[in-house]
Amino acid sequence: MKFAAIVSFLAASAAFVSAVPGISITAPIQNTVWQAGQSHIISWIPTNSTATTITQIEYRHGNSAALTLVSTLTTANIPVSDGQFVWNMPNTTVADGACVLVVTTDKGDPTYSGYFVIQAATPGAPDAFTLTGSPTAAGAAGAVSSGSSNAGSSKAGSAPSASGSGDSAASSSSSSTKSSGASGLKAGVAAVIGAVGAAAMLL
């Protein structure tokens, strides 16, 4: 009976460690402002060594409880180690204050960016890029000023959020995000080590 309980506890501890998100998005962060008609770098850092490939990046819009797909930016297999993807945003992209990027890895866990803002392209600017997918009317209906959108959690499988403000904060947030990812892994490993110690005392 004791042995079965110990095995169950260790399995739960191992699951906790594997649940650490595969990546953490470092750009865009919450309140970043990107302008349509320009190229923007979507960046991330790995937080779990088991995730090796980015399989999909989506641009979504709306409330965190019911995000609407606006466009699938890529389904190409991008190595997590690349750390970035360049989004050539067409100038026809609708201005919106409730934008979210959803990045999926080969682990299957989606990771959400914080809410960011898209500003309309400069009037008269040539359209150098073509939007992938079919933009919906939701983008136009949700066009709001910066900072008015909701925020949720930036962890895998949950509603989006991230700390910081603007493109200038993206680089400074990278180091703190690395620390939080490492801390999560250390905490998980410590939990398993503690569980093994407890199991040894019960035997």
N, C-alpha and C. Protein backbone atom coordinates (compact mmCIF):
# COMPACT_ATOMS: atom_id res chain seq x y z
N MET A 1 0.83 -1.21 0.00
CA MET A 1 0.00 0.00 0.00
C MET A 1 0.86 1.25 0.00
N LYS A 2 1.87 1.25 0.92
CA LYS A 2 2.78 2.39 0.98
C LYS A 2 3.53 2.55 -0.34
N PHE A 3 3.96 1.41 -0.91
CA PHE A 3 4.74 1.44 -2.14
C PHE A 3 3.92 2.06 -3.27
N ALA A 4 2.64 1.68 -3.37
CA ALA A 4 1.77 2.21 -4.42
C ALA A 4 1.59 3.71 -4.28
N ALA A 5 1.45 4.16 -3.03
CA ALA A 5 1.28 5.60 -2.79
C ALA A 5 2.54 6.36 -3.18
N ILE A 6 3.70 5.77 -2.88
CA ILE A 6 4.97 6.42 -3.22
C ILE A 6 5.13 6.53 -4.73
N VAL A 7 4.82 5.46 -5.46
CA VAL A 7 4.93 5.46 -6.92
C VAL A 7 4.02 6.52 -7.52
N SER A 8 2.80 6.61 -7.00
CA SER A 8 1.84 7.60 -7.48
C SER A 8 2.34 9.02 -7.25
N PHE A 9 2.93 9.25 -6.07
CA PHE A 9 3.43 10.58 -5.74
C PHE A 9 4.60 10.97 -6.63
N LEU A 10 5.50 10.03 -6.88
CA LEU A 10 6.64 10.32 -7.74
C LEU A 10 6.20 10.59 -9.17
N ALA A 11 5.18 9.88 -9.64
CA ALA A 11 4.67 10.10 -10.99
C ALA A 11 4.09 11.50 -11.13
N ALA A 12 3.37 11.93 -10.09
CA ALA A 12 2.79 13.27 -10.10
C ALA A 12 3.88 14.34 -10.10
N SER A 13 4.95 14.09 -9.36
CA SER A 13 6.07 15.03 -9.31
C SER A 13 6.75 15.14 -10.66
N ALA A 14 6.92 13.99 -11.33
CA ALA A 14 7.54 13.99 -12.65
C ALA A 14 6.67 14.75 -13.65
N ALA A 15 5.36 14.61 -13.55
CA ALA A 15 4.44 15.31 -14.44
C ALA A 15 4.55 16.81 -14.24
N PHE A 16 4.79 17.22 -13.00
CA PHE A 16 4.93 18.65 -12.70
C PHE A 16 6.14 19.22 -13.44
N VAL A 17 7.24 18.49 -13.46
CA VAL A 17 8.44 18.95 -14.14
C VAL A 17 8.20 19.05 -15.64
N SER A 18 7.57 18.04 -16.24
CA SER A 18 7.35 18.03 -17.69
C SER A 18 6.35 19.07 -18.12
N ALA A 19 5.56 19.63 -17.18
CA ALA A 19 4.55 20.61 -17.53
C ALA A 19 5.11 22.01 -17.75
N VAL A 20 6.43 22.20 -17.49
CA VAL A 20 7.04 23.50 -17.73
C VAL A 20 6.93 23.82 -19.21
N PRO A 21 6.43 25.02 -19.58
CA PRO A 21 6.25 25.36 -21.00
C PRO A 21 7.54 25.20 -21.79
N GLY A 22 7.40 24.84 -23.07
CA GLY A 22 8.56 24.61 -23.92
C GLY A 22 9.34 25.87 -24.22
N ILE A 23 8.63 27.01 -24.36
CA ILE A 23 9.28 28.29 -24.64
C ILE A 23 8.62 29.40 -23.85
N SER A 24 9.27 30.54 -23.82
CA SER A 24 8.68 31.76 -23.28
C SER A 24 8.87 32.84 -24.32
N ILE A 25 7.79 33.53 -24.69
CA ILE A 25 7.85 34.56 -25.73
C ILE A 25 8.42 35.85 -25.14
N THR A 26 9.45 36.38 -25.78
CA THR A 26 10.10 37.61 -25.30
C THR A 26 9.75 38.83 -26.15
N ALA A 27 9.15 38.62 -27.32
CA ALA A 27 8.65 39.73 -28.14
C ALA A 27 7.60 39.16 -29.11
N PRO A 28 6.43 39.78 -29.16
CA PRO A 28 6.05 41.00 -28.45
C PRO A 28 5.68 40.70 -26.99
N ILE A 29 5.89 41.70 -26.13
CA ILE A 29 5.41 41.61 -24.76
C ILE A 29 4.19 42.52 -24.62
N GLN A 30 3.58 42.49 -23.45
CA GLN A 30 2.36 43.26 -23.24
C GLN A 30 2.58 44.75 -23.51
N ASN A 31 1.64 45.33 -24.26
CA ASN A 31 1.62 46.76 -24.63
C ASN A 31 2.64 47.14 -25.70
N THR A 32 3.34 46.15 -26.26
CA THR A 32 4.18 46.44 -27.42
C THR A 32 3.30 47.02 -28.53
N VAL A 33 3.82 47.99 -29.28
CA VAL A 33 3.08 48.58 -30.40
C VAL A 33 3.83 48.28 -31.69
N TRP A 34 3.18 47.57 -32.59
CA TRP A 34 3.75 47.26 -33.90
C TRP A 34 2.90 47.92 -34.97
N GLN A 35 3.57 48.43 -36.01
CA GLN A 35 2.85 49.10 -37.09
C GLN A 35 2.73 48.19 -38.30
N ALA A 36 1.55 48.19 -38.89
CA ALA A 36 1.31 47.42 -40.11
C ALA A 36 2.21 47.95 -41.23
N GLY A 37 2.57 47.06 -42.17
CA GLY A 37 3.42 47.46 -43.27
C GLY A 37 4.90 47.35 -42.99
N GLN A 38 5.25 46.84 -41.80
CA GLN A 38 6.66 46.70 -41.43
C GLN A 38 6.97 45.27 -41.02
N SER A 39 8.26 44.96 -40.94
CA SER A 39 8.70 43.65 -40.47
C SER A 39 8.94 43.71 -38.97
N HIS A 40 8.49 42.68 -38.26
CA HIS A 40 8.64 42.64 -36.81
C HIS A 40 9.17 41.26 -36.40
N ILE A 41 10.04 41.24 -35.39
CA ILE A 41 10.65 39.99 -34.96
C ILE A 41 9.89 39.41 -33.77
N ILE A 42 9.36 38.22 -33.97
CA ILE A 42 8.75 37.44 -32.88
C ILE A 42 9.89 36.62 -32.28
N SER A 43 10.16 36.78 -31.00
CA SER A 43 11.29 36.07 -30.39
C SER A 43 10.86 35.28 -29.17
N TRP A 44 11.68 34.29 -28.82
CA TRP A 44 11.38 33.42 -27.68
C TRP A 44 12.68 32.85 -27.13
N ILE A 45 12.58 32.30 -25.92
CA ILE A 45 13.70 31.56 -25.33
C ILE A 45 13.16 30.20 -24.88
N PRO A 46 13.98 29.14 -24.96
CA PRO A 46 13.52 27.81 -24.52
C PRO A 46 13.46 27.75 -23.00
N THR A 47 12.44 27.08 -22.49
CA THR A 47 12.32 26.87 -21.04
C THR A 47 12.23 25.39 -20.70
N ASN A 48 12.21 24.55 -21.72
CA ASN A 48 12.14 23.11 -21.50
C ASN A 48 12.89 22.43 -22.64
N SER A 49 13.92 21.69 -22.31
CA SER A 49 14.80 21.10 -23.33
C SER A 49 14.10 20.05 -24.19
N THR A 50 12.92 19.59 -23.78
CA THR A 50 12.22 18.58 -24.58
C THR A 50 11.53 19.18 -25.79
N ALA A 51 11.35 20.49 -25.81
CA ALA A 51 10.75 21.15 -26.97
C ALA A 51 11.87 21.54 -27.93
N THR A 52 11.84 21.03 -29.15
CA THR A 52 12.92 21.28 -30.10
C THR A 52 12.48 22.04 -31.34
N THR A 53 11.15 22.07 -31.61
CA THR A 53 10.66 22.66 -32.86
C THR A 53 9.42 23.50 -32.63
N ILE A 54 9.39 24.68 -33.26
CA ILE A 54 8.17 25.48 -33.33
C ILE A 54 7.38 24.97 -34.52
N THR A 55 6.16 24.50 -34.29
CA THR A 55 5.38 23.91 -35.38
C THR A 55 4.33 24.86 -35.96
N GLN A 56 3.98 25.91 -35.20
CA GLN A 56 2.94 26.82 -35.69
C GLN A 56 2.96 28.13 -34.91
N ILE A 57 2.74 29.24 -35.64
CA ILE A 57 2.58 30.55 -35.00
C ILE A 57 1.29 31.17 -35.53
N GLU A 58 0.40 31.54 -34.62
CA GLU A 58 -0.89 32.11 -34.99
C GLU A 58 -1.03 33.54 -34.46
N TYR A 59 -1.72 34.36 -35.22
CA TYR A 59 -2.10 35.70 -34.77
C TYR A 59 -3.58 35.63 -34.42
N ARG A 60 -3.88 35.88 -33.15
CA ARG A 60 -5.27 35.82 -32.68
C ARG A 60 -5.69 37.16 -32.08
N HIS A 61 -6.99 37.29 -31.88
CA HIS A 61 -7.58 38.55 -31.42
C HIS A 61 -8.70 38.28 -30.44
N GLY A 62 -8.90 39.25 -29.51
CA GLY A 62 -10.11 39.23 -28.70
C GLY A 62 -9.90 38.92 -27.24
N ASN A 63 -11.00 38.54 -26.60
CA ASN A 63 -11.00 38.23 -25.18
C ASN A 63 -10.24 36.94 -24.92
N SER A 64 -9.52 36.88 -23.81
CA SER A 64 -8.69 35.72 -23.51
C SER A 64 -9.50 34.42 -23.40
N ALA A 65 -10.78 34.54 -23.09
CA ALA A 65 -11.61 33.34 -22.94
C ALA A 65 -12.06 32.79 -24.29
N ALA A 66 -11.96 33.60 -25.34
CA ALA A 66 -12.44 33.15 -26.66
C ALA A 66 -11.66 33.88 -27.75
N LEU A 67 -10.38 33.56 -27.86
CA LEU A 67 -9.55 34.21 -28.87
C LEU A 67 -9.95 33.77 -30.28
N THR A 68 -10.05 34.73 -31.19
CA THR A 68 -10.44 34.46 -32.57
C THR A 68 -9.20 34.43 -33.47
N LEU A 69 -9.09 33.38 -34.29
CA LEU A 69 -7.97 33.27 -35.21
C LEU A 69 -8.09 34.31 -36.32
N VAL A 70 -7.06 35.13 -36.47
CA VAL A 70 -7.02 36.11 -37.56
C VAL A 70 -6.17 35.56 -38.71
N SER A 71 -5.03 35.01 -38.37
CA SER A 71 -4.14 34.48 -39.41
C SER A 71 -3.16 33.48 -38.82
N THR A 72 -2.86 32.43 -39.60
CA THR A 72 -1.77 31.52 -39.26
C THR A 72 -0.52 32.04 -39.95
N LEU A 73 0.46 32.49 -39.17
CA LEU A 73 1.63 33.13 -39.75
C LEU A 73 2.59 32.11 -40.37
N THR A 74 2.70 30.94 -39.76
CA THR A 74 3.55 29.90 -40.32
C THR A 74 3.20 28.54 -39.72
N THR A 75 3.37 27.50 -40.53
CA THR A 75 3.27 26.12 -40.04
C THR A 75 4.58 25.38 -40.34
N ALA A 76 5.60 26.15 -40.75
CA ALA A 76 6.91 25.55 -41.01
C ALA A 76 7.55 25.12 -39.71
N ASN A 77 8.39 24.10 -39.78
CA ASN A 77 9.09 23.64 -38.59
C ASN A 77 10.32 24.52 -38.36
N ILE A 78 10.27 25.32 -37.30
CA ILE A 78 11.35 26.24 -36.97
C ILE A 78 12.06 25.71 -35.73
N PRO A 79 13.37 25.50 -35.78
CA PRO A 79 14.08 25.03 -34.58
C PRO A 79 13.90 26.02 -33.43
N VAL A 80 13.60 25.51 -32.25
CA VAL A 80 13.47 26.37 -31.07
C VAL A 80 14.75 27.17 -30.86
N SER A 81 15.88 26.56 -31.20
CA SER A 81 17.17 27.22 -31.01
C SER A 81 17.34 28.46 -31.88
N ASP A 82 16.54 28.60 -32.94
CA ASP A 82 16.62 29.81 -33.79
C ASP A 82 16.25 31.05 -32.99
N GLY A 83 15.28 30.91 -32.09
CA GLY A 83 14.94 32.00 -31.19
C GLY A 83 14.10 33.12 -31.78
N GLN A 84 13.75 33.05 -33.08
CA GLN A 84 12.97 34.14 -33.63
C GLN A 84 12.31 33.78 -34.96
N PHE A 85 11.30 34.57 -35.32
CA PHE A 85 10.63 34.45 -36.61
C PHE A 85 10.28 35.87 -37.05
N VAL A 86 10.53 36.19 -38.31
CA VAL A 86 10.25 37.53 -38.82
C VAL A 86 8.84 37.56 -39.41
N TRP A 87 8.01 38.43 -38.85
CA TRP A 87 6.64 38.61 -39.33
C TRP A 87 6.61 39.83 -40.25
N ASN A 88 6.45 39.58 -41.55
CA ASN A 88 6.30 40.66 -42.52
C ASN A 88 4.82 41.06 -42.55
N MET A 89 4.48 42.06 -41.76
CA MET A 89 3.08 42.43 -41.58
C MET A 89 2.61 43.36 -42.71
N PRO A 90 1.60 42.94 -43.49
CA PRO A 90 1.12 43.77 -44.59
C PRO A 90 0.45 45.05 -44.09
N ASN A 91 0.45 46.09 -44.93
CA ASN A 91 -0.15 47.34 -44.47
C ASN A 91 -1.68 47.30 -44.47
N THR A 92 -2.24 46.20 -44.95
CA THR A 92 -3.70 46.03 -44.90
C THR A 92 -4.15 45.44 -43.56
N THR A 93 -3.19 45.10 -42.69
CA THR A 93 -3.53 44.56 -41.37
C THR A 93 -4.33 45.60 -40.58
N VAL A 94 -5.46 45.17 -40.04
CA VAL A 94 -6.37 46.08 -39.34
C VAL A 94 -5.78 46.51 -37.99
N ALA A 95 -5.90 47.80 -37.68
CA ALA A 95 -5.47 48.31 -36.37
C ALA A 95 -6.27 47.61 -35.28
N ASP A 96 -5.58 47.22 -34.21
CA ASP A 96 -6.22 46.41 -33.18
C ASP A 96 -5.45 46.54 -31.87
N GLY A 97 -6.18 46.64 -30.77
CA GLY A 97 -5.55 46.75 -29.46
C GLY A 97 -5.66 45.50 -28.63
N ALA A 98 -6.12 44.39 -29.22
CA ALA A 98 -6.28 43.14 -28.47
C ALA A 98 -5.67 41.99 -29.25
N CYS A 99 -4.39 42.12 -29.58
CA CYS A 99 -3.68 41.14 -30.40
C CYS A 99 -2.89 40.17 -29.52
N VAL A 100 -2.85 38.92 -29.94
CA VAL A 100 -2.13 37.89 -29.21
C VAL A 100 -1.46 36.95 -30.22
N LEU A 101 -0.25 36.53 -29.94
CA LEU A 101 0.40 35.49 -30.73
C LEU A 101 0.38 34.19 -29.95
N VAL A 102 0.07 33.10 -30.65
CA VAL A 102 0.05 31.78 -30.02
C VAL A 102 1.09 30.92 -30.73
N VAL A 103 2.09 30.50 -29.98
CA VAL A 103 3.19 29.71 -30.55
C VAL A 103 3.11 28.29 -30.01
N THR A 104 3.08 27.31 -30.93
CA THR A 104 2.97 25.90 -30.54
C THR A 104 4.27 25.18 -30.86
N THR A 105 4.72 24.34 -29.93
CA THR A 105 5.94 23.56 -30.16
C THR A 105 5.59 22.10 -30.40
N ASP A 106 6.62 21.30 -30.68
CA ASP A 106 6.39 19.87 -30.90
C ASP A 106 5.96 19.14 -29.64
N LYS A 107 5.98 19.84 -28.49
CA LYS A 107 5.43 19.27 -27.26
C LYS A 107 3.91 19.33 -27.29
N GLY A 108 3.36 20.18 -28.17
CA GLY A 108 1.92 20.33 -28.27
C GLY A 108 1.33 21.39 -27.36
N ASP A 109 2.18 22.02 -26.53
CA ASP A 109 1.69 23.03 -25.60
C ASP A 109 1.75 24.42 -26.24
N PRO A 110 0.60 25.13 -26.35
CA PRO A 110 0.65 26.50 -26.89
C PRO A 110 1.17 27.48 -25.84
N THR A 111 1.94 28.45 -26.28
CA THR A 111 2.42 29.52 -25.43
C THR A 111 1.89 30.83 -25.98
N TYR A 112 1.36 31.69 -25.10
CA TYR A 112 0.71 32.94 -25.52
C TYR A 112 1.61 34.13 -25.22
N SER A 113 1.61 35.09 -26.15
CA SER A 113 2.27 36.36 -25.87
C SER A 113 1.35 37.20 -24.99
N GLY A 114 1.88 38.29 -24.47
CA GLY A 114 1.01 39.26 -23.82
C GLY A 114 0.21 39.99 -24.90
N TYR A 115 -0.85 40.68 -24.48
CA TYR A 115 -1.62 41.48 -25.43
C TYR A 115 -0.75 42.61 -25.97
N PHE A 116 -0.76 42.77 -27.29
CA PHE A 116 -0.02 43.87 -27.90
C PHE A 116 -0.93 44.62 -28.87
N VAL A 117 -0.41 45.74 -29.39
CA VAL A 117 -1.21 46.65 -30.21
C VAL A 117 -0.66 46.69 -31.64
N ILE A 118 -1.57 46.68 -32.61
CA ILE A 118 -1.19 46.90 -34.00
C ILE A 118 -1.75 48.25 -34.44
N GLN A 119 -0.86 49.11 -34.92
CA GLN A 119 -1.29 50.39 -35.46
C GLN A 119 -1.44 50.30 -36.97
N ALA A 120 -2.33 51.11 -37.52
CA ALA A 120 -2.54 51.12 -38.96
C ALA A 120 -1.27 51.57 -39.68
N ALA A 121 -1.12 51.11 -40.91
CA ALA A 121 0.04 51.49 -41.71
C ALA A 121 0.00 52.98 -42.04
N THR A 122 1.16 53.52 -42.34
CA THR A 122 1.24 54.91 -42.76
C THR A 122 0.44 55.10 -44.04
N PRO A 123 -0.46 56.08 -44.11
CA PRO A 123 -1.28 56.29 -45.31
C PRO A 123 -0.42 56.44 -46.57
N GLY A 124 -0.79 55.71 -47.60
CA GLY A 124 -0.07 55.80 -48.86
C GLY A 124 1.14 54.90 -48.97
N ALA A 125 1.47 54.18 -47.90
CA ALA A 125 2.63 53.29 -47.94
C ALA A 125 2.34 52.10 -48.84
N PRO A 126 3.31 51.67 -49.67
CA PRO A 126 3.10 50.51 -50.55
C PRO A 126 2.93 49.24 -49.74
N ASP A 127 2.11 48.33 -50.22
CA ASP A 127 1.87 47.07 -49.51
C ASP A 127 2.92 46.06 -49.94
N ALA A 128 3.94 45.89 -49.12
CA ALA A 128 5.05 45.01 -49.48
C ALA A 128 4.80 43.55 -49.12
N PHE A 129 3.84 43.30 -48.23
CA PHE A 129 3.61 41.95 -47.74
C PHE A 129 2.16 41.53 -47.93
N THR A 130 1.94 40.21 -47.89
CA THR A 130 0.60 39.65 -48.00
C THR A 130 0.27 38.89 -46.73
N LEU A 131 -0.88 39.17 -46.14
CA LEU A 131 -1.29 38.49 -44.91
C LEU A 131 -1.64 37.04 -45.20
N THR A 132 -1.08 36.12 -44.42
CA THR A 132 -1.39 34.71 -44.55
C THR A 132 -2.74 34.43 -43.91
N GLY A 133 -3.60 33.68 -44.59
CA GLY A 133 -4.90 33.35 -44.03
C GLY A 133 -5.95 34.40 -44.37
N SER A 134 -7.06 34.34 -43.67
CA SER A 134 -8.18 35.24 -43.94
C SER A 134 -8.51 36.06 -42.71
N PRO A 135 -8.13 37.36 -42.72
CA PRO A 135 -8.47 38.22 -41.58
C PRO A 135 -9.97 38.31 -41.40
N THR A 136 -10.41 38.38 -40.16
CA THR A 136 -11.83 38.46 -39.88
C THR A 136 -12.24 39.87 -39.51
N ALA A 137 -13.54 40.12 -39.49
CA ALA A 137 -14.05 41.43 -39.12
C ALA A 137 -13.83 41.72 -37.64
N ALA A 138 -13.50 40.68 -36.88
CA ALA A 138 -13.29 40.86 -35.43
C ALA A 138 -12.17 41.84 -35.16
N GLY A 139 -11.16 41.86 -36.04
CA GLY A 139 -10.05 42.77 -35.85
C GLY A 139 -10.51 44.22 -35.89
N ALA A 140 -11.35 44.55 -36.88
CA ALA A 140 -11.84 45.92 -36.99
C ALA A 140 -12.73 46.29 -35.83
N ALA A 141 -13.58 45.36 -35.42
CA ALA A 141 -14.50 45.63 -34.31
C ALA A 141 -13.76 45.81 -33.00
N GLY A 142 -12.58 45.18 -32.90
CA GLY A 142 -11.86 45.23 -31.63
C GLY A 142 -10.76 46.28 -31.60
N ALA A 143 -10.69 47.15 -32.60
CA ALA A 143 -9.65 48.17 -32.62
C ALA A 143 -9.85 49.13 -31.46
N VAL A 144 -8.93 49.10 -30.50
CA VAL A 144 -9.03 49.93 -29.31
C VAL A 144 -7.69 50.56 -29.02
N SER A 145 -7.65 51.50 -28.10
CA SER A 145 -6.41 52.18 -27.77
C SER A 145 -5.51 51.28 -26.94
N SER A 146 -4.19 51.57 -26.95
CA SER A 146 -3.21 50.77 -26.23
C SER A 146 -3.51 50.76 -24.74
N GLY A 147 -3.42 49.52 -24.17
CA GLY A 147 -3.58 49.38 -22.72
C GLY A 147 -4.99 49.10 -22.28
N SER A 148 -5.97 49.05 -23.22
CA SER A 148 -7.35 48.82 -22.80
C SER A 148 -7.75 47.36 -22.86
N SER A 149 -6.86 46.49 -23.38
CA SER A 149 -7.21 45.09 -23.52
C SER A 149 -7.00 44.34 -22.21
N ASN A 150 -7.65 43.13 -22.14
CA ASN A 150 -7.54 42.30 -20.95
C ASN A 150 -6.21 41.57 -20.94
N ALA A 151 -5.81 41.08 -19.79
CA ALA A 151 -4.59 40.29 -19.69
C ALA A 151 -4.86 39.04 -18.89
N GLY A 152 -4.23 37.91 -19.32
CA GLY A 152 -4.41 36.66 -18.59
C GLY A 152 -3.04 36.12 -18.21
N SER A 153 -2.85 34.80 -18.37
CA SER A 153 -1.59 34.16 -18.02
C SER A 153 -0.79 33.86 -19.27
N SER A 154 0.53 33.94 -19.21
CA SER A 154 1.37 33.67 -20.37
C SER A 154 1.87 32.22 -20.38
N LYS A 155 1.42 31.41 -19.44
CA LYS A 155 1.87 30.03 -19.38
C LYS A 155 1.19 29.21 -20.47
N ALA A 156 1.80 28.06 -20.80
CA ALA A 156 1.26 27.21 -21.84
C ALA A 156 -0.15 26.78 -21.50
N GLY A 157 -1.03 26.81 -22.53
CA GLY A 157 -2.38 26.32 -22.38
C GLY A 157 -3.31 27.25 -21.63
N SER A 158 -2.92 28.49 -21.37
CA SER A 158 -3.78 29.40 -20.62
C SER A 158 -3.87 30.74 -21.33
N ALA A 159 -4.71 31.63 -20.80
CA ALA A 159 -4.94 32.92 -21.43
C ALA A 159 -3.68 33.77 -21.42
N PRO A 160 -3.54 34.68 -22.41
CA PRO A 160 -2.28 35.40 -22.58
C PRO A 160 -2.02 36.54 -21.64
N SER A 161 -0.73 36.76 -21.37
CA SER A 161 -0.27 37.94 -20.63
C SER A 161 1.24 37.92 -20.59
N ALA A 162 1.85 39.07 -20.45
CA ALA A 162 3.29 39.16 -20.24
C ALA A 162 3.56 40.48 -19.57
N SER A 163 4.71 40.60 -18.89
CA SER A 163 5.01 41.84 -18.21
C SER A 163 5.86 42.73 -19.08
N GLY A 164 5.87 44.02 -18.78
CA GLY A 164 6.69 44.95 -19.53
C GLY A 164 5.85 45.85 -20.38
N SER A 165 6.49 46.77 -21.13
CA SER A 165 5.75 47.70 -21.96
C SER A 165 6.59 48.15 -23.12
N GLY A 166 6.08 47.91 -24.36
CA GLY A 166 6.68 48.45 -25.57
C GLY A 166 7.85 47.64 -26.07
N ASP A 167 8.24 47.95 -27.36
CA ASP A 167 9.36 47.26 -27.99
C ASP A 167 10.65 47.46 -27.21
N SER A 168 10.84 48.64 -26.61
CA SER A 168 12.07 48.92 -25.90
C SER A 168 12.25 48.04 -24.68
N ALA A 169 11.16 47.46 -24.16
CA ALA A 169 11.25 46.62 -22.96
C ALA A 169 11.50 45.17 -23.31
N ALA A 170 11.42 44.82 -24.61
CA ALA A 170 11.53 43.41 -24.98
C ALA A 170 12.87 42.82 -24.59
N SER A 171 13.97 43.57 -24.86
CA SER A 171 15.28 43.03 -24.55
C SER A 171 15.51 42.91 -23.06
N SER A 172 15.03 43.89 -22.27
CA SER A 172 15.23 43.84 -20.83
C SER A 172 14.42 42.74 -20.18
N SER A 173 13.30 42.37 -20.82
CA SER A 173 12.46 41.32 -20.24
C SER A 173 13.04 39.94 -20.50
N SER A 174 13.93 39.85 -21.51
CA SER A 174 14.46 38.54 -21.89
C SER A 174 15.21 37.88 -20.76
N SER A 175 16.09 38.64 -20.05
CA SER A 175 16.87 38.05 -18.98
C SER A 175 16.01 37.60 -17.83
N SER A 176 14.97 38.41 -17.50
CA SER A 176 14.10 38.02 -16.39
C SER A 176 13.27 36.82 -16.76
N THR A 177 12.90 36.69 -18.04
CA THR A 177 12.13 35.54 -18.48
C THR A 177 12.98 34.28 -18.43
N LYS A 178 14.28 34.44 -18.79
CA LYS A 178 15.18 33.29 -18.68
C LYS A 178 15.26 32.81 -17.25
N SER A 179 15.35 33.76 -16.32
CA SER A 179 15.46 33.40 -14.91
C SER A 179 14.22 32.68 -14.43
N SER A 180 13.03 33.19 -14.88
CA SER A 180 11.79 32.56 -14.42
C SER A 180 11.66 31.16 -14.98
N GLY A 181 12.12 30.95 -16.25
CA GLY A 181 12.06 29.61 -16.83
C GLY A 181 12.98 28.66 -16.08
N ALA A 182 14.20 29.14 -15.79
CA ALA A 182 15.15 28.31 -15.07
C ALA A 182 14.66 28.01 -13.67
N SER A 183 14.06 29.03 -13.03
CA SER A 183 13.54 28.83 -11.67
C SER A 183 12.45 27.78 -11.65
N GLY A 184 11.61 27.80 -12.70
CA GLY A 184 10.54 26.81 -12.76
C GLY A 184 11.08 25.41 -12.86
N LEU A 185 12.12 25.23 -13.69
CA LEU A 185 12.72 23.92 -13.84
C LEU A 185 13.39 23.48 -12.54
N LYS A 186 14.12 24.44 -11.89
CA LYS A 186 14.78 24.09 -10.63
C LYS A 186 13.77 23.69 -9.57
N ALA A 187 12.65 24.43 -9.52
CA ALA A 187 11.62 24.11 -8.53
C ALA A 187 11.05 22.73 -8.77
N GLY A 188 10.85 22.39 -10.06
CA GLY A 188 10.30 21.08 -10.38
C GLY A 188 11.25 19.98 -10.00
N VAL A 189 12.54 20.18 -10.32
CA VAL A 189 13.55 19.17 -9.99
C VAL A 189 13.66 19.01 -8.48
N ALA A 190 13.63 20.15 -7.76
CA ALA A 190 13.71 20.09 -6.30
C ALA A 190 12.54 19.30 -5.71
N ALA A 191 11.36 19.48 -6.33
CA ALA A 191 10.19 18.78 -5.84
C ALA A 191 10.36 17.27 -5.99
N VAL A 192 10.94 16.86 -7.13
CA VAL A 192 11.15 15.42 -7.35
C VAL A 192 12.18 14.87 -6.39
N ILE A 193 13.27 15.63 -6.17
CA ILE A 193 14.31 15.19 -5.24
C ILE A 193 13.73 15.03 -3.83
N GLY A 194 12.90 16.02 -3.43
CA GLY A 194 12.27 15.92 -2.13
C GLY A 194 11.36 14.72 -2.01
N ALA A 195 10.67 14.44 -3.11
CA ALA A 195 9.76 13.29 -3.10
C ALA A 195 10.52 11.99 -2.96
N VAL A 196 11.68 11.92 -3.64
CA VAL A 196 12.50 10.70 -3.54
C VAL A 196 12.99 10.51 -2.10
N GLY A 197 13.38 11.65 -1.45
CA GLY A 197 13.81 11.55 -0.07
C GLY A 197 12.72 11.07 0.85
N ALA A 198 11.51 11.59 0.61
CA ALA A 198 10.36 11.19 1.43
C ALA A 198 10.07 9.70 1.22
N ALA A 199 10.21 9.26 -0.02
CA ALA A 199 9.94 7.86 -0.33
C ALA A 199 10.93 6.96 0.39
N ALA A 200 12.19 7.40 0.43
CA ALA A 200 13.23 6.59 1.09
C ALA A 200 12.93 6.45 2.58
N MET A 201 12.39 7.49 3.20
CA MET A 201 12.08 7.43 4.63
C MET A 201 10.91 6.49 4.92
N LEU A 202 9.99 6.42 3.95
CA LEU A 202 8.82 5.56 4.17
C LEU A 202 9.12 4.09 3.96
N LEU A 203 10.15 3.77 3.17
CA LEU A 203 10.48 2.37 2.90
C LEU A 203 11.12 1.69 4.11
